[in-house]
């Protein structure tokens, strides 16, 4: 269960972020009339938050597990999608930029626990495969996010993706899920011994 949840979380996460990047660029340039440079500068704080939070999240996952960062990530994505529903041409730019920080919190807290969750239920011999499948989920999610970015009500989709990550976080990090991870790892190790 944790491995499948990690791949699905990666898909949801990067789909939401792909939507954010595509729609936000369109909004800042086409609706607000900002230049490409000004648009990039508006998105720069998002990268700063990711840069700040990612190493802290990695340490937190290493000491306390993936649950809290995944809960924070899902909540931040859902809130970002929900608040973005209200952004319009006259929304004050500081309010817009504050909304974007939610997406920075989301991306800065979602990636380390995805990889950790993907490899935690696999034997060491399968860790590379697990991490690469989680990466494939990320790439597929980004592609899907850009593909659906033009859909009407796309911020509702982002809100739903955040809620989905939150649910997956709670399901994939509980005792029952950890038990399935242990059983799956033992099964893979048994198969490796018989080869």
N, C-alpha and C. Protein backbone atom coordinates (compact mmCIF):
# COMPACT_ATOMS: atom_id res chain seq x y z
N UNK A 1 0.80 -1.21 0.00
CA UNK A 1 0.00 0.00 0.00
C UNK A 1 0.85 1.28 0.00
N UNK A 2 1.91 1.39 0.82
CA UNK A 2 2.70 2.62 0.79
C UNK A 2 3.32 2.89 -0.58
N UNK A 3 3.80 1.84 -1.26
CA UNK A 3 4.42 2.06 -2.57
C UNK A 3 3.40 2.61 -3.57
N UNK A 4 2.25 1.96 -3.68
CA UNK A 4 1.22 2.43 -4.60
C UNK A 4 0.75 3.83 -4.25
N UNK A 5 0.62 4.11 -2.96
CA UNK A 5 0.22 5.45 -2.52
C UNK A 5 1.27 6.48 -2.88
N UNK A 6 2.54 6.11 -2.79
CA UNK A 6 3.62 7.05 -3.14
C UNK A 6 3.56 7.41 -4.62
N UNK A 7 3.34 6.42 -5.47
CA UNK A 7 3.26 6.69 -6.91
C UNK A 7 2.04 7.57 -7.21
N UNK A 8 0.91 7.25 -6.59
CA UNK A 8 -0.31 8.04 -6.80
C UNK A 8 -0.14 9.46 -6.23
N UNK A 9 0.50 9.58 -5.09
CA UNK A 9 0.77 10.90 -4.51
C UNK A 9 1.66 11.71 -5.45
N UNK A 10 2.68 11.07 -6.01
CA UNK A 10 3.56 11.76 -6.96
C UNK A 10 2.77 12.25 -8.17
N UNK A 11 1.88 11.42 -8.65
CA UNK A 11 1.04 11.80 -9.80
C UNK A 11 0.15 12.99 -9.44
N UNK A 12 -0.54 12.91 -8.30
CA UNK A 12 -1.41 14.01 -7.85
C UNK A 12 -0.60 15.29 -7.63
N UNK A 13 0.53 15.14 -6.95
CA UNK A 13 1.33 16.31 -6.57
C UNK A 13 1.82 17.08 -7.78
N UNK A 14 2.44 16.39 -8.70
CA UNK A 14 3.01 17.10 -9.83
C UNK A 14 1.96 17.49 -10.85
N UNK A 15 0.83 16.83 -10.85
CA UNK A 15 -0.30 17.29 -11.67
C UNK A 15 -0.75 18.65 -11.14
N UNK A 16 -0.92 18.75 -9.83
CA UNK A 16 -1.31 20.02 -9.22
C UNK A 16 -0.29 21.11 -9.45
N UNK A 17 0.98 20.78 -9.34
CA UNK A 17 2.01 21.79 -9.53
C UNK A 17 2.13 22.19 -11.00
N UNK A 18 1.95 21.22 -11.91
CA UNK A 18 1.95 21.54 -13.34
C UNK A 18 0.84 22.50 -13.69
N UNK A 19 -0.34 22.27 -13.12
CA UNK A 19 -1.47 23.18 -13.32
C UNK A 19 -1.10 24.56 -12.79
N UNK A 20 -0.57 24.60 -11.57
CA UNK A 20 -0.20 25.88 -10.96
C UNK A 20 0.74 26.68 -11.85
N UNK A 21 1.82 26.05 -12.30
CA UNK A 21 2.80 26.78 -13.10
C UNK A 21 2.21 27.28 -14.42
N UNK A 22 1.44 26.42 -15.08
CA UNK A 22 0.89 26.80 -16.38
C UNK A 22 -0.16 27.91 -16.24
N UNK A 23 -1.11 27.70 -15.35
CA UNK A 23 -2.21 28.66 -15.20
C UNK A 23 -1.72 29.97 -14.61
N UNK A 24 -0.79 29.89 -13.66
CA UNK A 24 -0.27 31.09 -13.03
C UNK A 24 0.47 31.98 -14.05
N UNK A 25 1.25 31.36 -14.88
CA UNK A 25 1.96 32.12 -15.91
C UNK A 25 0.96 32.82 -16.83
N UNK A 26 -0.08 32.10 -17.23
CA UNK A 26 -1.13 32.70 -18.07
C UNK A 26 -1.83 33.85 -17.34
N UNK A 27 -2.15 33.63 -16.08
CA UNK A 27 -2.85 34.64 -15.29
C UNK A 27 -2.00 35.91 -15.15
N UNK A 28 -0.74 35.74 -14.77
CA UNK A 28 0.10 36.91 -14.54
C UNK A 28 0.35 37.70 -15.83
N UNK A 29 0.52 36.99 -16.94
CA UNK A 29 0.83 37.69 -18.18
C UNK A 29 -0.42 38.15 -18.93
N UNK A 30 -1.39 37.27 -19.08
CA UNK A 30 -2.56 37.60 -19.90
C UNK A 30 -3.63 38.40 -19.15
N UNK A 31 -3.86 38.07 -17.89
CA UNK A 31 -4.91 38.75 -17.12
C UNK A 31 -4.37 40.02 -16.46
N UNK A 32 -3.19 39.91 -15.85
CA UNK A 32 -2.63 41.06 -15.13
C UNK A 32 -1.71 41.91 -16.00
N UNK A 33 -1.33 41.41 -17.17
CA UNK A 33 -0.50 42.19 -18.09
C UNK A 33 0.95 42.34 -17.69
N UNK A 34 1.46 41.43 -16.88
CA UNK A 34 2.86 41.50 -16.47
C UNK A 34 3.76 40.96 -17.58
N UNK A 35 4.99 41.43 -17.61
CA UNK A 35 5.97 40.93 -18.57
C UNK A 35 6.44 39.54 -18.13
N UNK A 36 7.16 38.86 -19.01
CA UNK A 36 7.70 37.55 -18.66
C UNK A 36 8.67 37.67 -17.49
N UNK A 37 9.47 38.72 -17.47
CA UNK A 37 10.43 38.92 -16.38
C UNK A 37 9.70 39.15 -15.05
N UNK A 38 8.69 40.01 -15.07
CA UNK A 38 7.92 40.28 -13.85
C UNK A 38 7.21 39.02 -13.37
N UNK A 39 6.71 38.23 -14.31
CA UNK A 39 6.06 36.95 -13.96
C UNK A 39 7.05 36.03 -13.27
N UNK A 40 8.25 35.92 -13.84
CA UNK A 40 9.28 35.08 -13.22
C UNK A 40 9.65 35.56 -11.83
N UNK A 41 9.73 36.87 -11.66
CA UNK A 41 10.04 37.42 -10.34
C UNK A 41 8.93 37.15 -9.33
N UNK A 42 7.68 37.13 -9.80
CA UNK A 42 6.55 36.80 -8.91
C UNK A 42 6.61 35.35 -8.44
N UNK A 43 7.18 34.48 -9.28
CA UNK A 43 7.26 33.07 -8.93
C UNK A 43 8.53 32.71 -8.17
N UNK A 44 9.49 33.62 -8.14
CA UNK A 44 10.76 33.38 -7.45
C UNK A 44 10.59 33.02 -5.98
N UNK A 45 9.69 33.67 -5.21
CA UNK A 45 9.52 33.28 -3.81
C UNK A 45 9.06 31.82 -3.63
N UNK A 46 8.34 31.30 -4.62
CA UNK A 46 7.92 29.89 -4.55
C UNK A 46 9.16 28.99 -4.51
N UNK A 47 10.11 29.27 -5.40
CA UNK A 47 11.35 28.51 -5.42
C UNK A 47 12.14 28.68 -4.14
N UNK A 48 12.12 29.88 -3.57
CA UNK A 48 12.82 30.12 -2.31
C UNK A 48 12.24 29.28 -1.18
N UNK A 49 10.92 29.19 -1.12
CA UNK A 49 10.28 28.38 -0.08
C UNK A 49 10.64 26.90 -0.27
N UNK A 50 10.63 26.44 -1.51
CA UNK A 50 10.99 25.04 -1.80
C UNK A 50 12.43 24.78 -1.37
N UNK A 51 13.32 25.70 -1.71
CA UNK A 51 14.74 25.58 -1.36
C UNK A 51 14.94 25.53 0.16
N UNK A 52 14.16 26.30 0.87
CA UNK A 52 14.25 26.34 2.33
C UNK A 52 13.65 25.09 2.98
N UNK A 53 12.48 24.67 2.50
CA UNK A 53 11.75 23.58 3.17
C UNK A 53 12.23 22.18 2.81
N UNK A 54 12.71 21.98 1.60
CA UNK A 54 13.06 20.61 1.17
C UNK A 54 14.07 19.93 2.09
N UNK A 55 15.21 20.57 2.44
CA UNK A 55 16.14 19.88 3.34
C UNK A 55 15.56 19.66 4.74
N UNK A 56 14.78 20.63 5.21
CA UNK A 56 14.15 20.46 6.53
C UNK A 56 13.16 19.30 6.51
N UNK A 57 12.42 19.21 5.41
CA UNK A 57 11.46 18.11 5.26
C UNK A 57 12.17 16.77 5.20
N UNK A 58 13.29 16.72 4.48
CA UNK A 58 14.07 15.48 4.42
C UNK A 58 14.50 15.02 5.80
N UNK A 59 14.96 15.97 6.61
CA UNK A 59 15.36 15.62 7.98
C UNK A 59 14.17 15.15 8.80
N UNK A 60 13.03 15.83 8.63
CA UNK A 60 11.82 15.46 9.37
C UNK A 60 11.36 14.06 8.97
N UNK A 61 11.40 13.75 7.69
CA UNK A 61 11.02 12.41 7.23
C UNK A 61 11.97 11.37 7.83
N UNK A 62 13.26 11.70 7.89
CA UNK A 62 14.24 10.77 8.45
C UNK A 62 14.06 10.51 9.93
N UNK A 63 13.57 11.51 10.66
CA UNK A 63 13.42 11.33 12.11
C UNK A 63 12.02 10.92 12.54
N UNK A 64 10.99 11.43 11.84
CA UNK A 64 9.62 11.19 12.30
C UNK A 64 8.74 10.46 11.30
N UNK A 65 9.24 10.26 10.08
CA UNK A 65 8.46 9.56 9.07
C UNK A 65 7.76 10.54 8.12
N UNK A 66 7.08 10.00 7.12
CA UNK A 66 6.52 10.83 6.05
C UNK A 66 5.15 11.44 6.33
N UNK A 67 4.49 11.02 7.37
CA UNK A 67 3.10 11.43 7.56
C UNK A 67 2.91 12.95 7.67
N UNK A 68 3.60 13.61 8.60
CA UNK A 68 3.41 15.04 8.81
C UNK A 68 3.72 15.86 7.56
N UNK A 69 4.86 15.62 6.89
CA UNK A 69 5.10 16.39 5.66
C UNK A 69 4.04 16.17 4.59
N UNK A 70 3.55 14.95 4.45
CA UNK A 70 2.51 14.69 3.44
C UNK A 70 1.19 15.38 3.81
N UNK A 71 0.87 15.41 5.09
CA UNK A 71 -0.34 16.10 5.54
C UNK A 71 -0.20 17.60 5.27
N UNK A 72 0.97 18.16 5.58
CA UNK A 72 1.21 19.59 5.31
C UNK A 72 1.12 19.85 3.80
N UNK A 73 1.73 18.99 3.00
CA UNK A 73 1.73 19.17 1.54
C UNK A 73 0.31 19.12 0.98
N UNK A 74 -0.46 18.12 1.37
CA UNK A 74 -1.83 18.00 0.88
C UNK A 74 -2.69 19.18 1.30
N UNK A 75 -2.52 19.62 2.54
CA UNK A 75 -3.28 20.76 3.04
C UNK A 75 -2.90 22.04 2.29
N UNK A 76 -1.60 22.25 2.09
CA UNK A 76 -1.14 23.45 1.39
C UNK A 76 -1.63 23.48 -0.06
N UNK A 77 -1.61 22.32 -0.74
CA UNK A 77 -2.09 22.28 -2.13
C UNK A 77 -3.59 22.54 -2.19
N UNK A 78 -4.34 21.92 -1.29
CA UNK A 78 -5.79 22.14 -1.26
C UNK A 78 -6.12 23.60 -0.97
N UNK A 79 -5.43 24.19 0.01
CA UNK A 79 -5.65 25.60 0.32
C UNK A 79 -5.25 26.50 -0.85
N UNK A 80 -4.12 26.18 -1.47
CA UNK A 80 -3.68 26.97 -2.63
C UNK A 80 -4.70 26.94 -3.75
N UNK A 81 -5.23 25.75 -4.03
CA UNK A 81 -6.27 25.63 -5.05
C UNK A 81 -7.53 26.37 -4.67
N UNK A 82 -7.93 26.25 -3.40
CA UNK A 82 -9.14 26.92 -2.93
C UNK A 82 -9.03 28.44 -2.97
N UNK A 83 -7.91 28.96 -2.51
CA UNK A 83 -7.71 30.42 -2.51
C UNK A 83 -7.59 30.93 -3.94
N UNK A 84 -6.98 30.16 -4.81
CA UNK A 84 -6.80 30.59 -6.21
C UNK A 84 -8.13 30.75 -6.94
N UNK A 85 -9.17 30.10 -6.45
CA UNK A 85 -10.51 30.29 -7.04
C UNK A 85 -10.94 31.75 -6.99
N UNK A 86 -10.43 32.49 -6.01
CA UNK A 86 -10.87 33.86 -5.79
C UNK A 86 -9.95 34.91 -6.42
N UNK A 87 -8.86 34.47 -7.04
CA UNK A 87 -7.95 35.43 -7.65
C UNK A 87 -8.56 35.99 -8.94
N UNK A 88 -8.49 37.30 -9.09
CA UNK A 88 -9.02 37.95 -10.28
C UNK A 88 -8.10 39.06 -10.72
N UNK A 89 -8.50 39.80 -11.74
CA UNK A 89 -7.65 40.87 -12.27
C UNK A 89 -7.36 41.97 -11.25
N UNK A 90 -8.27 42.19 -10.30
CA UNK A 90 -8.10 43.29 -9.35
C UNK A 90 -7.57 42.83 -8.00
N UNK A 91 -7.28 41.54 -7.84
CA UNK A 91 -6.74 41.06 -6.57
C UNK A 91 -5.40 41.74 -6.32
N UNK A 92 -5.19 42.32 -5.14
CA UNK A 92 -3.91 42.97 -4.86
C UNK A 92 -2.74 41.98 -5.04
N UNK A 93 -1.67 42.43 -5.67
CA UNK A 93 -0.54 41.56 -5.96
C UNK A 93 0.04 40.91 -4.70
N UNK A 94 0.15 41.61 -3.56
CA UNK A 94 0.64 40.92 -2.35
C UNK A 94 -0.22 39.71 -1.96
N UNK A 95 -1.54 39.81 -2.14
CA UNK A 95 -2.42 38.68 -1.83
C UNK A 95 -2.17 37.53 -2.80
N UNK A 96 -1.92 37.86 -4.06
CA UNK A 96 -1.61 36.84 -5.06
C UNK A 96 -0.32 36.12 -4.68
N UNK A 97 0.70 36.91 -4.34
CA UNK A 97 2.00 36.32 -4.00
C UNK A 97 1.92 35.48 -2.72
N UNK A 98 1.11 35.90 -1.77
CA UNK A 98 0.92 35.11 -0.55
C UNK A 98 0.27 33.78 -0.87
N UNK A 99 -0.67 33.78 -1.82
CA UNK A 99 -1.30 32.54 -2.26
C UNK A 99 -0.25 31.61 -2.88
N UNK A 100 0.64 32.18 -3.66
CA UNK A 100 1.67 31.36 -4.31
C UNK A 100 2.61 30.70 -3.31
N UNK A 101 2.78 31.34 -2.15
CA UNK A 101 3.64 30.74 -1.13
C UNK A 101 3.08 29.40 -0.66
N UNK A 102 1.76 29.26 -0.69
CA UNK A 102 1.16 27.96 -0.33
C UNK A 102 1.67 26.86 -1.26
N UNK A 103 1.82 27.19 -2.54
CA UNK A 103 2.33 26.20 -3.50
C UNK A 103 3.81 25.88 -3.24
N UNK A 104 4.55 26.89 -2.74
CA UNK A 104 5.94 26.64 -2.36
C UNK A 104 6.02 25.70 -1.16
N UNK A 105 5.16 25.93 -0.17
CA UNK A 105 5.10 25.04 1.00
C UNK A 105 4.75 23.63 0.54
N UNK A 106 3.77 23.54 -0.35
CA UNK A 106 3.36 22.24 -0.87
C UNK A 106 4.53 21.50 -1.51
N UNK A 107 5.20 22.14 -2.48
CA UNK A 107 6.26 21.45 -3.22
C UNK A 107 7.47 21.18 -2.32
N UNK A 108 7.73 22.06 -1.37
CA UNK A 108 8.86 21.86 -0.47
C UNK A 108 8.67 20.74 0.53
N UNK A 109 7.42 20.33 0.74
CA UNK A 109 7.16 19.27 1.72
C UNK A 109 6.70 17.95 1.10
N UNK A 110 6.45 17.91 -0.20
CA UNK A 110 5.88 16.70 -0.78
C UNK A 110 6.92 15.72 -1.34
N UNK A 111 8.01 16.21 -1.89
CA UNK A 111 8.93 15.30 -2.58
C UNK A 111 9.70 14.33 -1.69
N UNK A 112 10.34 14.79 -0.59
CA UNK A 112 11.07 13.82 0.24
C UNK A 112 10.21 12.66 0.75
N UNK A 113 8.98 12.92 1.25
CA UNK A 113 8.20 11.78 1.73
C UNK A 113 7.72 10.84 0.63
N UNK A 114 7.57 11.36 -0.60
CA UNK A 114 7.17 10.47 -1.70
C UNK A 114 8.23 9.40 -1.91
N UNK A 115 9.47 9.83 -2.03
CA UNK A 115 10.56 8.88 -2.26
C UNK A 115 10.71 7.94 -1.09
N UNK A 116 10.66 8.48 0.12
CA UNK A 116 10.78 7.65 1.32
C UNK A 116 9.70 6.60 1.37
N UNK A 117 8.47 6.99 1.10
CA UNK A 117 7.34 6.06 1.15
C UNK A 117 7.46 5.01 0.05
N UNK A 118 7.93 5.41 -1.12
CA UNK A 118 8.05 4.46 -2.23
C UNK A 118 9.06 3.36 -1.92
N UNK A 119 10.19 3.71 -1.32
CA UNK A 119 11.23 2.70 -1.10
C UNK A 119 11.10 1.99 0.25
N UNK A 120 10.28 2.52 1.17
CA UNK A 120 10.22 1.94 2.51
C UNK A 120 9.67 0.52 2.55
N UNK A 121 8.80 0.19 1.62
CA UNK A 121 8.22 -1.15 1.63
C UNK A 121 8.90 -2.12 0.69
N UNK A 122 10.06 -1.75 0.20
CA UNK A 122 10.76 -2.60 -0.76
C UNK A 122 12.11 -3.04 -0.18
N UNK A 123 12.57 -4.22 -0.56
CA UNK A 123 13.93 -4.61 -0.14
C UNK A 123 14.94 -3.72 -0.86
N UNK A 124 16.15 -3.68 -0.35
CA UNK A 124 17.18 -2.82 -0.94
C UNK A 124 17.40 -3.10 -2.42
N UNK A 125 17.27 -4.33 -2.82
CA UNK A 125 17.48 -4.67 -4.23
C UNK A 125 16.43 -4.04 -5.14
N UNK A 126 15.30 -3.62 -4.59
CA UNK A 126 14.22 -3.03 -5.39
C UNK A 126 14.09 -1.52 -5.17
N UNK A 127 14.94 -0.94 -4.34
CA UNK A 127 14.82 0.49 -4.01
C UNK A 127 14.95 1.38 -5.24
N UNK A 128 15.87 1.06 -6.13
CA UNK A 128 16.04 1.85 -7.35
C UNK A 128 14.81 1.81 -8.24
N UNK A 129 14.21 0.63 -8.35
CA UNK A 129 12.99 0.49 -9.15
C UNK A 129 11.86 1.30 -8.52
N UNK A 130 11.73 1.20 -7.20
CA UNK A 130 10.66 1.94 -6.51
C UNK A 130 10.83 3.45 -6.69
N UNK A 131 12.05 3.95 -6.52
CA UNK A 131 12.29 5.38 -6.68
C UNK A 131 12.05 5.83 -8.11
N UNK A 132 12.42 5.00 -9.08
CA UNK A 132 12.22 5.39 -10.48
C UNK A 132 10.74 5.38 -10.86
N UNK A 133 9.96 4.47 -10.29
CA UNK A 133 8.52 4.47 -10.56
C UNK A 133 7.84 5.68 -9.92
N UNK A 134 8.32 6.09 -8.75
CA UNK A 134 7.80 7.32 -8.14
C UNK A 134 8.15 8.52 -9.03
N UNK A 135 9.35 8.51 -9.58
CA UNK A 135 9.75 9.58 -10.49
C UNK A 135 8.90 9.59 -11.76
N UNK A 136 8.57 8.41 -12.25
CA UNK A 136 7.69 8.32 -13.43
C UNK A 136 6.31 8.88 -13.10
N UNK A 137 5.85 8.65 -11.87
CA UNK A 137 4.58 9.24 -11.42
C UNK A 137 4.64 10.75 -11.43
N UNK A 138 5.78 11.30 -11.01
CA UNK A 138 5.96 12.76 -11.02
C UNK A 138 5.90 13.29 -12.45
N UNK A 139 6.63 12.65 -13.34
CA UNK A 139 6.68 13.11 -14.74
C UNK A 139 5.32 13.01 -15.41
N UNK A 140 4.63 11.92 -15.17
CA UNK A 140 3.28 11.75 -15.73
C UNK A 140 2.34 12.81 -15.17
N UNK A 141 2.45 13.07 -13.87
CA UNK A 141 1.61 14.08 -13.24
C UNK A 141 1.84 15.46 -13.82
N UNK A 142 3.09 15.83 -14.04
CA UNK A 142 3.38 17.14 -14.63
C UNK A 142 2.77 17.26 -16.02
N UNK A 143 2.93 16.23 -16.82
CA UNK A 143 2.36 16.23 -18.17
C UNK A 143 0.85 16.34 -18.12
N UNK A 144 0.25 15.59 -17.23
CA UNK A 144 -1.21 15.63 -17.08
C UNK A 144 -1.67 17.00 -16.60
N UNK A 145 -0.92 17.60 -15.69
CA UNK A 145 -1.27 18.92 -15.17
C UNK A 145 -1.32 19.97 -16.26
N UNK A 146 -0.32 19.96 -17.13
CA UNK A 146 -0.30 20.91 -18.24
C UNK A 146 -1.44 20.61 -19.20
N UNK A 147 -1.72 19.32 -19.40
CA UNK A 147 -2.79 18.94 -20.34
C UNK A 147 -4.17 19.39 -19.87
N UNK A 148 -4.41 19.35 -18.57
CA UNK A 148 -5.75 19.71 -18.06
C UNK A 148 -5.83 21.16 -17.60
N UNK A 149 -4.74 21.91 -17.73
CA UNK A 149 -4.69 23.28 -17.21
C UNK A 149 -5.74 24.19 -17.84
N UNK A 150 -6.18 23.89 -19.03
CA UNK A 150 -7.17 24.74 -19.69
C UNK A 150 -8.61 24.39 -19.35
N UNK A 151 -8.79 23.37 -18.55
CA UNK A 151 -10.14 22.94 -18.20
C UNK A 151 -10.79 23.98 -17.30
N UNK A 152 -12.06 24.25 -17.55
CA UNK A 152 -12.81 25.20 -16.71
C UNK A 152 -12.88 24.65 -15.28
N UNK A 153 -12.66 25.50 -14.31
CA UNK A 153 -12.72 25.07 -12.91
C UNK A 153 -11.48 24.31 -12.47
N UNK A 154 -10.33 24.60 -13.11
CA UNK A 154 -9.12 23.83 -12.83
C UNK A 154 -8.66 23.98 -11.38
N UNK A 155 -8.98 25.11 -10.74
CA UNK A 155 -8.56 25.27 -9.34
C UNK A 155 -9.33 24.33 -8.42
N UNK A 156 -10.56 23.96 -8.82
CA UNK A 156 -11.29 22.94 -8.05
C UNK A 156 -10.56 21.60 -8.15
N UNK A 157 -10.02 21.31 -9.33
CA UNK A 157 -9.23 20.09 -9.51
C UNK A 157 -8.01 20.10 -8.60
N UNK A 158 -7.32 21.23 -8.54
CA UNK A 158 -6.13 21.34 -7.68
C UNK A 158 -6.53 21.15 -6.22
N UNK A 159 -7.63 21.74 -5.81
CA UNK A 159 -8.13 21.55 -4.45
C UNK A 159 -8.38 20.06 -4.20
N UNK A 160 -9.00 19.39 -5.16
CA UNK A 160 -9.27 17.95 -5.02
C UNK A 160 -7.99 17.12 -4.98
N UNK A 161 -7.00 17.50 -5.76
CA UNK A 161 -5.72 16.78 -5.74
C UNK A 161 -5.05 16.93 -4.37
N UNK A 162 -5.13 18.13 -3.80
CA UNK A 162 -4.58 18.33 -2.45
C UNK A 162 -5.30 17.47 -1.42
N UNK A 163 -6.63 17.42 -1.53
CA UNK A 163 -7.41 16.57 -0.61
C UNK A 163 -7.05 15.10 -0.81
N UNK A 164 -6.82 14.71 -2.06
CA UNK A 164 -6.41 13.33 -2.35
C UNK A 164 -5.07 12.99 -1.72
N UNK A 165 -4.13 13.93 -1.78
CA UNK A 165 -2.82 13.71 -1.15
C UNK A 165 -2.98 13.58 0.36
N UNK A 166 -3.85 14.39 0.93
CA UNK A 166 -4.10 14.33 2.37
C UNK A 166 -4.66 12.96 2.76
N UNK A 167 -5.63 12.48 2.01
CA UNK A 167 -6.21 11.16 2.29
C UNK A 167 -5.16 10.06 2.13
N UNK A 168 -4.40 10.11 1.04
CA UNK A 168 -3.34 9.12 0.82
C UNK A 168 -2.30 9.16 1.94
N UNK A 169 -1.99 10.36 2.42
CA UNK A 169 -1.02 10.49 3.52
C UNK A 169 -1.51 9.75 4.75
N UNK A 170 -2.77 9.91 5.06
CA UNK A 170 -3.31 9.26 6.26
C UNK A 170 -3.43 7.75 6.08
N UNK A 171 -3.81 7.32 4.87
CA UNK A 171 -3.96 5.89 4.62
C UNK A 171 -2.62 5.16 4.51
N UNK A 172 -1.64 5.81 3.89
CA UNK A 172 -0.38 5.10 3.57
C UNK A 172 0.64 5.14 4.69
N UNK A 173 0.37 5.86 5.76
CA UNK A 173 1.35 5.95 6.83
C UNK A 173 0.84 5.38 8.15
N UNK A 174 -0.32 4.77 8.13
CA UNK A 174 -0.87 4.17 9.34
C UNK A 174 -0.27 2.81 9.62
N UNK A 175 -0.66 2.21 10.73
CA UNK A 175 -0.12 0.90 11.13
C UNK A 175 -0.43 -0.18 10.10
N UNK A 176 -1.65 -0.17 9.61
CA UNK A 176 -2.04 -1.21 8.64
C UNK A 176 -1.19 -1.10 7.37
N UNK A 177 -0.99 0.11 6.90
CA UNK A 177 -0.18 0.31 5.70
C UNK A 177 1.26 -0.12 5.93
N UNK A 178 1.80 0.20 7.10
CA UNK A 178 3.17 -0.20 7.40
C UNK A 178 3.29 -1.72 7.46
N UNK A 179 2.24 -2.38 7.94
CA UNK A 179 2.23 -3.84 7.96
C UNK A 179 2.26 -4.42 6.55
N UNK A 180 1.51 -3.81 5.63
CA UNK A 180 1.54 -4.29 4.24
C UNK A 180 2.91 -4.06 3.62
N UNK A 181 3.58 -2.97 3.99
CA UNK A 181 4.92 -2.69 3.47
C UNK A 181 5.91 -3.74 3.95
N UNK A 182 5.81 -4.11 5.20
CA UNK A 182 6.71 -5.13 5.75
C UNK A 182 6.47 -6.47 5.06
N UNK A 183 5.19 -6.83 4.88
CA UNK A 183 4.88 -8.10 4.21
C UNK A 183 5.35 -8.10 2.76
N UNK A 184 5.18 -6.97 2.07
CA UNK A 184 5.63 -6.89 0.67
C UNK A 184 7.14 -7.01 0.59
N UNK A 185 7.86 -6.36 1.49
CA UNK A 185 9.33 -6.45 1.49
C UNK A 185 9.78 -7.88 1.75
N UNK A 186 9.11 -8.56 2.69
CA UNK A 186 9.47 -9.95 2.98
C UNK A 186 9.19 -10.85 1.78
N UNK A 187 8.10 -10.61 1.09
CA UNK A 187 7.77 -11.39 -0.10
C UNK A 187 8.81 -11.20 -1.20
N UNK A 188 9.23 -9.95 -1.43
CA UNK A 188 10.25 -9.68 -2.44
C UNK A 188 11.59 -10.32 -2.07
N UNK A 189 11.94 -10.27 -0.79
CA UNK A 189 13.19 -10.89 -0.34
C UNK A 189 13.14 -12.40 -0.52
N UNK A 190 11.98 -12.99 -0.24
CA UNK A 190 11.80 -14.43 -0.45
C UNK A 190 11.98 -14.80 -1.91
N UNK A 191 11.38 -14.00 -2.79
CA UNK A 191 11.52 -14.23 -4.24
C UNK A 191 12.98 -14.09 -4.68
N UNK A 192 13.71 -13.12 -4.12
CA UNK A 192 15.12 -12.93 -4.46
C UNK A 192 15.97 -14.14 -4.05
N UNK A 193 15.63 -14.74 -2.91
CA UNK A 193 16.39 -15.90 -2.43
C UNK A 193 16.21 -17.11 -3.33
N UNK A 194 15.03 -17.23 -3.96
CA UNK A 194 14.75 -18.39 -4.80
C UNK A 194 15.23 -18.24 -6.23
N UNK A 195 15.82 -17.12 -6.56
CA UNK A 195 16.34 -16.93 -7.93
C UNK A 195 17.71 -17.49 -8.09
